[in-house]
Amino acid sequence: MTINDQREDLIERLTDSVGNLVSVITIDAQSLRPLPGKAAILVNPPEIDFEGWEIQEARWSIIVIAGTMATQVDALGLILPVIEKLQADHINMHNARPVTYTNGSGSLAAYQITLNP
């Protein structure tokens, strides 16, 4: 399976899992704008390990963000149900760490989730 195929499969699995909890699942950071009352997910490019001439492993991570500059108090309440739904649907997560996601409009609450291969 190519890395592009893996990415498409991951986006499909995320969409099937979190459904209406998020407004968008994207690889385009410029389009990452959560709607009020929803989270959004950015799929980061993978870390790639090689062995010889072959791709051995691609490790993916995602960032779940929520809220706007004016609604950061409610952001955690939108992000945590997404993480819990991913876990309940057996998305193979290694860890989830709180981060700040900065876009053109400011800094937003977020969690970066590293997925197991």
Protein backbone atom coordinates (compact mmCIF):
# COMPACT_ATOMS: atom_id res chain seq x y z
CA MET A 1 0.00 0.00 0.00
CA THR A 2 1.43 3.38 -0.97
CA ILE A 3 1.68 6.26 1.48
CA ASN A 4 -1.06 8.09 -0.43
CA ASP A 5 -3.26 4.99 -0.10
CA GLN A 6 -2.51 4.88 3.63
CA ARG A 7 -3.48 8.55 3.96
CA GLU A 8 -6.77 8.04 2.12
CA ASP A 9 -7.52 4.96 4.25
CA LEU A 10 -6.76 6.92 7.43
CA ILE A 11 -9.02 9.81 6.41
CA GLU A 12 -11.81 7.35 5.61
CA ARG A 13 -11.44 5.58 8.97
CA LEU A 14 -11.41 8.92 10.83
CA THR A 15 -14.51 10.08 8.96
CA ASP A 16 -16.33 6.84 9.72
CA SER A 17 -15.36 7.11 13.40
CA VAL A 18 -16.02 10.72 14.35
CA GLY A 19 -18.71 11.61 11.82
CA ASN A 20 -20.67 14.60 13.03
CA LEU A 21 -18.30 15.51 15.89
CA VAL A 22 -16.01 17.32 13.43
CA SER A 23 -16.61 19.89 10.72
CA VAL A 24 -13.63 18.89 8.56
CA ILE A 25 -10.89 16.27 8.26
CA THR A 26 -8.16 17.60 6.00
CA ILE A 27 -4.50 17.51 5.00
CA ASP A 28 -4.66 21.24 4.17
CA ALA A 29 -3.73 23.36 7.19
CA GLN A 30 -5.07 26.47 5.43
CA SER A 31 -8.61 25.04 5.38
CA LEU A 32 -8.53 23.95 9.03
CA ARG A 33 -11.24 26.05 10.61
CA PRO A 34 -13.54 24.36 13.09
CA LEU A 35 -17.16 25.46 12.99
CA PRO A 36 -18.88 26.52 16.21
CA GLY A 37 -19.71 23.49 18.32
CA LYS A 38 -17.47 21.17 16.25
CA ALA A 39 -13.85 20.06 16.25
CA ALA A 40 -11.64 19.77 13.16
CA ILE A 41 -8.86 17.31 12.33
CA LEU A 42 -5.61 17.95 10.48
CA VAL A 43 -3.82 14.86 9.17
CA ASN A 44 -0.08 15.59 9.29
CA PRO A 45 2.37 14.16 6.74
CA PRO A 46 3.79 10.90 8.08
CA GLU A 47 7.21 10.22 9.51
CA ILE A 48 8.76 7.62 7.21
CA ASP A 49 11.35 5.00 8.14
CA PHE A 50 13.36 3.24 5.46
CA GLU A 51 15.25 -0.03 5.50
CA GLY A 52 17.57 -0.20 2.53
CA TRP A 53 15.60 0.94 -0.50
CA GLU A 54 12.21 0.05 0.94
CA ILE A 55 9.76 2.05 3.03
CA GLN A 56 9.60 0.15 6.28
CA GLU A 57 7.02 2.16 8.16
CA ALA A 58 4.97 5.35 7.97
CA ARG A 59 3.88 6.83 11.30
CA TRP A 60 0.92 9.20 11.16
CA SER A 61 -0.21 11.91 13.52
CA ILE A 62 -3.30 14.07 13.61
CA ILE A 63 -4.18 17.31 15.34
CA VAL A 64 -7.68 17.76 16.75
CA ILE A 65 -8.57 21.43 17.23
CA ALA A 66 -11.73 23.19 18.36
CA GLY A 67 -13.17 26.56 19.13
CA THR A 68 -12.30 30.04 18.03
CA MET A 69 -10.30 32.74 19.73
CA ALA A 70 -13.50 33.78 21.52
CA THR A 71 -14.60 30.28 22.56
CA GLN A 72 -11.48 28.59 23.90
CA VAL A 73 -13.15 27.88 27.24
CA ASP A 74 -15.41 25.34 25.51
CA ALA A 75 -12.74 23.82 23.24
CA LEU A 76 -11.71 20.94 25.53
CA GLY A 77 -15.33 19.85 25.78
CA LEU A 78 -15.36 19.48 21.98
CA ILE A 79 -11.94 17.80 21.62
CA LEU A 80 -12.20 15.11 24.31
CA PRO A 81 -15.32 13.40 22.85
CA VAL A 82 -13.46 13.10 19.53
CA ILE A 83 -10.49 11.41 21.24
CA GLU A 84 -12.81 9.12 23.20
CA LYS A 85 -14.72 8.16 20.02
CA LEU A 86 -11.48 7.38 18.18
CA GLN A 87 -10.42 5.15 21.06
CA ALA A 88 -13.82 3.43 21.25
CA ASP A 89 -13.65 2.71 17.50
CA HIS A 90 -10.19 1.14 17.88
CA ILE A 91 -8.16 3.77 16.05
CA ASN A 92 -4.70 2.61 17.13
CA MET A 93 -3.41 5.63 19.09
CA HIS A 94 -0.01 5.78 20.78
CA ASN A 95 -0.54 9.02 22.71
CA ALA A 96 -2.44 12.31 22.76
CA ARG A 97 -0.70 15.46 23.92
CA PRO A 98 -2.20 18.90 24.46
CA VAL A 99 -0.74 21.49 22.10
CA THR A 100 -1.54 24.96 20.86
CA TYR A 101 -2.44 25.20 17.18
CA THR A 102 -1.65 28.55 15.62
CA ASN A 103 -3.36 29.70 12.45
CA GLY A 104 -3.93 33.10 10.84
CA SER A 105 -6.56 34.08 13.38
CA GLY A 106 -4.63 33.16 16.52
CA SER A 107 -3.88 30.24 18.82
CA LEU A 108 -6.40 27.48 19.43
CA ALA A 109 -6.61 24.59 21.88
CA ALA A 110 -5.63 21.28 20.31
CA TYR A 111 -4.43 17.75 20.91
CA GLN A 112 -1.76 16.10 18.77
CA ILE A 113 -2.39 12.38 18.51
CA THR A 114 0.36 10.03 17.39
CA LEU A 115 -0.99 6.86 15.82
CA ASN A 116 0.63 3.44 16.05
CA PRO A 117 1.65 1.92 12.72
